[in-house]
Amino acid sequence: MTTDTAMENPLAFRLRNLLEYEKDCNARLLKMLASVPAENRDDERFQKAIDKFAHAVVCRKLWMYRFGDTDLPPSTCFPAGIRLDQLPEM
């Protein structure tokens, strides 16, 4: 019997890979947003980018609720006015 996870449970292996890919993408996006110069952070496009990222995070939380991973659903699907420093804790 093989100990290769991909052979034992290919779906679980693929889902783990997708999760790792998503975590990497989120980390890169946070790094990119943090690289915006302070004088450009008042631009409405910067806030829109943060709010879209927060929306994606909330959608993930909603799916986790639907899967039974959490007890409460998110309070909103379209958070607005999120600060850059709030994204990592989300």
C-alpha atoms as a PDB file:
ATOM      1  CA  MET A   1       0.000   0.000   0.000  1.00  0.00           C
ATOM      2  CA  THR A   2       1.364   3.382  -0.993  1.00  0.00           C
ATOM      3  CA  THR A   3       1.720   6.302   1.389  1.00  0.00           C
ATOM      4  CA  ASP A   4       1.428   8.861  -1.410  1.00  0.00           C
ATOM      5  CA  THR A   5      -1.490  11.149  -0.507  1.00  0.00           C
ATOM      6  CA  ALA A   6      -2.304  11.766  -4.162  1.00  0.00           C
ATOM      7  CA  MET A   7      -2.810   8.046  -4.678  1.00  0.00           C
ATOM      8  CA  GLU A   8      -4.746   7.449  -1.462  1.00  0.00           C
ATOM      9  CA  ASN A   9      -7.220  10.285  -1.910  1.00  0.00           C
ATOM     10  CA  PRO A  10      -6.794  12.261  -5.131  1.00  0.00           C
ATOM     11  CA  LEU A  11      -9.646  14.669  -4.342  1.00  0.00           C
ATOM     12  CA  ALA A  12      -8.230  15.575  -0.921  1.00  0.00           C
ATOM     13  CA  PHE A  13      -4.807  16.036  -2.525  1.00  0.00           C
ATOM     14  CA  ARG A  14      -6.242  18.392  -5.170  1.00  0.00           C
ATOM     15  CA  LEU A  15      -8.208  20.369  -2.589  1.00  0.00           C
ATOM     16  CA  ARG A  16      -5.114  20.765  -0.398  1.00  0.00           C
ATOM     17  CA  ASN A  17      -3.170  21.997  -3.416  1.00  0.00           C
ATOM     18  CA  LEU A  18      -5.922  24.485  -4.250  1.00  0.00           C
ATOM     19  CA  LEU A  19      -5.945  25.735  -0.664  1.00  0.00           C
ATOM     20  CA  GLU A  20      -2.173  26.219  -0.709  1.00  0.00           C
ATOM     21  CA  TYR A  21      -2.479  28.044  -4.037  1.00  0.00           C
ATOM     22  CA  GLU A  22      -5.202  30.305  -2.622  1.00  0.00           C
ATOM     23  CA  LYS A  23      -3.119  31.054   0.488  1.00  0.00           C
ATOM     24  CA  ASP A  24      -0.161  31.971  -1.721  1.00  0.00           C
ATOM     25  CA  CYS A  25      -2.337  34.227  -3.909  1.00  0.00           C
ATOM     26  CA  ASN A  26      -3.765  35.968  -0.844  1.00  0.00           C
ATOM     27  CA  ALA A  27      -0.281  36.561   0.570  1.00  0.00           C
ATOM     28  CA  ARG A  28       0.875  38.011  -2.747  1.00  0.00           C
ATOM     29  CA  LEU A  29      -2.176  40.256  -2.967  1.00  0.00           C
ATOM     30  CA  LEU A  30      -1.595  41.552   0.565  1.00  0.00           C
ATOM     31  CA  LYS A  31       2.033  42.250  -0.309  1.00  0.00           C
ATOM     32  CA  MET A  32       0.997  44.074  -3.479  1.00  0.00           C
ATOM     33  CA  LEU A  33      -1.570  46.215  -1.648  1.00  0.00           C
ATOM     34  CA  ALA A  34       0.976  47.031   1.064  1.00  0.00           C
ATOM     35  CA  SER A  35       3.394  48.221  -1.635  1.00  0.00           C
ATOM     36  CA  VAL A  36       1.048  51.047  -2.702  1.00  0.00           C
ATOM     37  CA  PRO A  37       2.669  54.308  -1.588  1.00  0.00           C
ATOM     38  CA  ALA A  38       0.938  56.022   1.333  1.00  0.00           C
ATOM     39  CA  GLU A  39       0.131  59.089  -0.761  1.00  0.00           C
ATOM     40  CA  ASN A  40      -1.906  56.902  -3.167  1.00  0.00           C
ATOM     41  CA  ARG A  41      -3.923  55.082  -0.532  1.00  0.00           C
ATOM     42  CA  ASP A  42      -6.622  57.745  -0.411  1.00  0.00           C
ATOM     43  CA  ASP A  43      -7.514  56.958  -4.020  1.00  0.00           C
ATOM     44  CA  GLU A  44     -10.953  55.368  -4.333  1.00  0.00           C
ATOM     45  CA  ARG A  45      -9.461  52.625  -6.546  1.00  0.00           C
ATOM     46  CA  PHE A  46      -7.229  51.516  -3.673  1.00  0.00           C
ATOM     47  CA  GLN A  47     -10.227  51.231  -1.343  1.00  0.00           C
ATOM     48  CA  LYS A  48     -12.170  49.396  -4.034  1.00  0.00           C
ATOM     49  CA  ALA A  49      -9.342  46.845  -4.339  1.00  0.00           C
ATOM     50  CA  ILE A  50      -9.321  46.299  -0.571  1.00  0.00           C
ATOM     51  CA  ASP A  51     -13.095  45.929  -0.446  1.00  0.00           C
ATOM     52  CA  LYS A  52     -13.045  43.387  -3.300  1.00  0.00           C
ATOM     53  CA  PHE A  53     -10.399  41.365  -1.504  1.00  0.00           C
ATOM     54  CA  ALA A  54     -12.459  41.527   1.701  1.00  0.00           C
ATOM     55  CA  HIS A  55     -15.478  40.320  -0.298  1.00  0.00           C
ATOM     56  CA  ALA A  56     -13.508  37.279  -1.490  1.00  0.00           C
ATOM     57  CA  VAL A  57     -12.485  36.509   2.099  1.00  0.00           C
ATOM     58  CA  VAL A  58     -16.071  36.793   3.327  1.00  0.00           C
ATOM     59  CA  CYS A  59     -17.266  34.512   0.516  1.00  0.00           C
ATOM     60  CA  ARG A  60     -14.747  31.895   1.656  1.00  0.00           C
ATOM     61  CA  LYS A  61     -16.088  32.234   5.204  1.00  0.00           C
ATOM     62  CA  LEU A  62     -19.644  31.800   3.914  1.00  0.00           C
ATOM     63  CA  TRP A  63     -18.689  28.558   2.180  1.00  0.00           C
ATOM     64  CA  MET A  64     -16.977  27.339   5.338  1.00  0.00           C
ATOM     65  CA  TYR A  65     -20.218  28.063   7.221  1.00  0.00           C
ATOM     66  CA  ARG A  66     -22.216  26.145   4.618  1.00  0.00           C
ATOM     67  CA  PHE A  67     -19.837  23.197   5.011  1.00  0.00           C
ATOM     68  CA  GLY A  68     -20.439  23.255   8.768  1.00  0.00           C
ATOM     69  CA  ASP A  69     -16.952  24.483   9.660  1.00  0.00           C
ATOM     70  CA  THR A  70     -18.208  27.533  11.583  1.00  0.00           C
ATOM     71  CA  ASP A  71     -21.303  28.207  13.686  1.00  0.00           C
ATOM     72  CA  LEU A  72     -22.166  31.670  12.358  1.00  0.00           C
ATOM     73  CA  PRO A  73     -22.311  33.001   8.808  1.00  0.00           C
ATOM     74  CA  PRO A  74     -20.611  36.299   7.935  1.00  0.00           C
ATOM     75  CA  SER A  75     -22.757  39.328   8.724  1.00  0.00           C
ATOM     76  CA  THR A  76     -22.335  40.747   5.211  1.00  0.00           C
ATOM     77  CA  CYS A  77     -21.131  39.572   1.820  1.00  0.00           C
ATOM     78  CA  PHE A  78     -19.999  43.006   0.693  1.00  0.00           C
ATOM     79  CA  PRO A  79     -17.889  44.628   3.405  1.00  0.00           C
ATOM     80  CA  ALA A  80     -17.027  48.256   2.706  1.00  0.00           C
ATOM     81  CA  GLY A  81     -14.491  50.615   4.171  1.00  0.00           C
ATOM     82  CA  ILE A  82     -12.160  47.834   5.283  1.00  0.00           C
ATOM     83  CA  ARG A  83      -8.661  49.024   6.174  1.00  0.00           C
ATOM     84  CA  LEU A  84      -5.566  47.377   4.755  1.00  0.00           C
ATOM     85  CA  ASP A  85      -4.418  46.380   8.256  1.00  0.00           C
ATOM     86  CA  GLN A  86      -7.715  44.516   8.812  1.00  0.00           C
ATOM     87  CA  LEU A  87      -7.258  42.147   5.863  1.00  0.00           C
ATOM     88  CA  PRO A  88      -4.702  39.768   7.406  1.00  0.00           C
ATOM     89  CA  GLU A  89      -6.862  39.145  10.476  1.00  0.00           C
ATOM     90  CA  MET A  90      -9.882  38.468   8.241  1.00  0.00           C
END
